[in-house]
Amino acid sequence: MPTVITGSHNWSSSAEEDNDENTLIIKDISIANQFMQEFKKRYNDAGGTGSFIIPSDVINENNNSTINFELNQNFPNPFNPVTTINFQVHVKSFVSLKIFDILGREVAKLVNEEKQQGKYSVEFNGSKLSSGVYLYELKAGYFRSVKKMTMMK
């Protein structure tokens, strides 16, 4: 089933009645997701501050499940010395998951490879780290999310 992205019909008056110049129909969900990510990046890079809204998830019409990029809070948190980080990738993407200290120095690289769509779980052993707050960052395509975790010895 096609994914339909519609415009606001304010580019020209002919769009209201004469044609569909503000409508884009994409028949492949992975292409639709890539298009939305690229559009969001270019919109933000161009200084877009208007009321443009991009949905945070897309319904996969083949199995009616919601799929999106997601980075979950590690568990347990605080941890000593092992914690689990779960994340979800909505389309095949190059994924990196890194741990940083509070000064922004990279202390571990947990994932640095292409991943298929799906849910993933990574165990992090912080036994060589000192107690404190650490940040973990997931990058996948244009998606980026950072969360805090606390190591307590």
Protein backbone atom coordinates (compact mmCIF):
# COMPACT_ATOMS: atom_id res chain seq x y z
CA MET A 1 0.00 0.00 0.00
CA PRO A 2 1.43 3.43 -0.83
CA THR A 3 2.56 5.99 1.70
CA VAL A 4 1.13 9.43 0.99
CA ILE A 5 2.80 12.68 2.04
CA THR A 6 0.69 15.76 1.48
CA GLY A 7 1.54 19.44 1.34
CA SER A 8 -0.30 22.43 2.70
CA HIS A 9 -1.76 23.64 -0.62
CA ASN A 10 -0.35 27.12 -0.23
CA TRP A 11 2.31 27.06 -2.94
CA SER A 12 -0.15 28.03 -5.66
CA SER A 13 -3.88 28.34 -6.09
CA SER A 14 -3.88 25.75 -8.88
CA ALA A 15 -2.99 23.04 -6.36
CA GLU A 16 -6.41 23.38 -4.76
CA GLU A 17 -8.41 22.35 -7.82
CA ASP A 18 -6.34 21.71 -10.93
CA ASN A 19 -3.62 19.23 -9.95
CA ASP A 20 -1.89 17.38 -7.14
CA GLU A 21 1.40 19.32 -7.11
CA ASN A 22 1.53 19.14 -3.29
CA THR A 23 1.11 15.38 -2.99
CA LEU A 24 3.89 12.80 -3.09
CA ILE A 25 3.00 9.11 -3.15
CA ILE A 26 5.78 6.70 -2.18
CA LYS A 27 5.00 3.00 -2.55
CA ASP A 28 7.89 1.60 -0.49
CA ILE A 29 7.95 2.19 3.28
CA SER A 30 11.76 2.16 3.56
CA ILE A 31 12.02 4.80 0.81
CA ALA A 32 9.33 6.86 2.56
CA ASN A 33 11.30 6.73 5.81
CA GLN A 34 14.55 7.70 4.08
CA PHE A 35 12.76 10.57 2.31
CA MET A 36 11.33 11.86 5.59
CA GLN A 37 14.73 11.71 7.32
CA GLU A 38 16.45 13.55 4.46
CA PHE A 39 13.68 16.15 4.27
CA LYS A 40 13.85 16.78 8.03
CA LYS A 41 17.64 17.17 7.92
CA ARG A 42 17.53 19.62 4.99
CA TYR A 43 14.63 21.53 6.55
CA ASN A 44 16.53 21.91 9.84
CA ASP A 45 19.84 22.71 8.09
CA ALA A 46 18.06 25.48 6.17
CA GLY A 47 16.94 27.01 9.46
CA GLY A 48 13.41 25.65 9.36
CA THR A 49 11.54 26.83 12.43
CA GLY A 50 7.95 26.75 11.19
CA SER A 51 5.19 24.42 12.19
CA PHE A 52 6.38 21.55 10.01
CA ILE A 53 5.67 18.22 11.71
CA ILE A 54 7.30 14.90 10.86
CA PRO A 55 5.75 11.84 12.50
CA SER A 56 8.10 10.04 14.87
CA ASP A 57 7.00 6.67 13.58
CA VAL A 58 5.53 5.04 10.51
CA ILE A 59 2.96 2.26 10.35
CA ASN A 60 4.25 -0.73 8.44
CA GLU A 61 1.13 -1.71 6.54
CA ASN A 62 2.39 -5.26 5.91
CA ASN A 63 2.18 -6.26 9.57
CA ASN A 64 0.44 -3.22 11.14
CA SER A 65 3.27 -2.66 13.61
CA THR A 66 4.86 0.66 14.45
CA ILE A 67 8.53 0.89 13.50
CA ASN A 68 10.93 3.73 14.26
CA PHE A 69 14.38 4.58 15.52
CA GLU A 70 14.52 4.43 19.28
CA LEU A 71 17.13 4.47 22.02
CA ASN A 72 15.94 3.19 25.38
CA GLN A 73 17.23 4.06 28.84
CA ASN A 74 19.87 1.60 29.96
CA PHE A 75 18.92 -0.93 32.62
CA PRO A 76 19.83 -1.14 35.39
CA ASN A 77 20.64 2.50 36.00
CA PRO A 78 22.66 3.20 38.12
CA PHE A 79 24.73 0.14 37.23
CA ASN A 80 27.75 -1.75 38.58
CA PRO A 81 29.52 -2.88 36.45
CA VAL A 82 27.20 -4.20 33.70
CA THR A 83 24.17 -2.56 32.06
CA THR A 84 22.05 -3.28 29.00
CA ILE A 85 21.22 -0.77 26.26
CA ASN A 86 18.29 -1.53 23.95
CA PHE A 87 17.66 0.24 20.67
CA GLN A 88 15.52 -0.13 17.58
CA VAL A 89 16.37 0.52 13.93
CA HIS A 90 13.47 1.12 11.51
CA VAL A 91 15.33 0.72 8.22
CA LYS A 92 18.66 -0.83 7.27
CA SER A 93 21.20 1.78 8.40
CA PHE A 94 24.77 2.27 9.47
CA VAL A 95 24.55 2.36 13.27
CA SER A 96 27.01 3.57 15.88
CA LEU A 97 26.53 3.29 19.63
CA LYS A 98 29.24 4.97 21.69
CA ILE A 99 29.85 5.74 25.37
CA PHE A 100 31.32 9.10 26.42
CA ASP A 101 32.52 10.47 29.74
CA ILE A 102 31.04 13.70 31.03
CA LEU A 103 33.81 15.69 29.28
CA GLY A 104 32.79 14.23 25.91
CA ARG A 105 35.70 11.80 25.53
CA GLU A 106 34.79 8.51 23.89
CA VAL A 107 35.38 5.64 26.34
CA ALA A 108 33.77 2.75 24.42
CA LYS A 109 32.43 1.89 20.98
CA LEU A 110 29.73 -0.77 21.31
CA VAL A 111 28.32 -0.83 17.77
CA ASN A 112 29.84 0.47 14.53
CA GLU A 113 28.24 -1.41 11.64
CA GLU A 114 25.29 -1.67 9.32
CA LYS A 115 22.17 -3.10 10.98
CA GLN A 116 18.96 -4.43 9.50
CA GLN A 117 15.55 -3.20 10.69
CA GLY A 118 14.86 -4.62 14.14
CA LYS A 119 15.34 -4.44 17.88
CA TYR A 120 18.80 -4.84 19.39
CA SER A 121 20.24 -5.29 22.87
CA VAL A 122 23.86 -4.54 23.77
CA GLU A 123 25.54 -5.29 27.09
CA PHE A 124 28.07 -2.76 28.36
CA ASN A 125 30.67 -3.69 30.97
CA GLY A 126 31.97 -0.58 32.72
CA SER A 127 34.29 -2.37 35.15
CA LYS A 128 37.29 -0.34 33.92
CA LEU A 129 35.49 2.99 34.40
CA SER A 130 35.37 5.10 37.52
CA SER A 131 32.09 5.99 39.20
CA GLY A 132 30.25 8.86 37.55
CA VAL A 133 27.82 9.99 34.88
CA TYR A 134 28.36 8.78 31.32
CA LEU A 135 26.54 9.53 28.07
CA TYR A 136 25.66 7.03 25.40
CA GLU A 137 24.85 8.07 21.85
CA LEU A 138 23.04 6.19 19.10
CA LYS A 139 23.45 7.39 15.50
CA ALA A 140 21.57 5.71 12.66
CA GLY A 141 21.08 7.55 9.39
CA TYR A 142 19.96 11.06 10.37
CA PHE A 143 18.67 9.85 13.74
CA ARG A 144 20.72 10.78 16.80
CA SER A 145 19.83 10.29 20.45
CA VAL A 146 21.87 10.72 23.63
CA LYS A 147 21.00 9.46 27.11
CA LYS A 148 22.70 9.56 30.51
CA MET A 149 23.69 6.62 32.68
CA THR A 150 25.37 6.41 36.06
CA MET A 151 28.16 4.01 37.02
CA MET A 152 28.36 3.37 40.78
CA LYS A 153 31.15 1.29 42.30
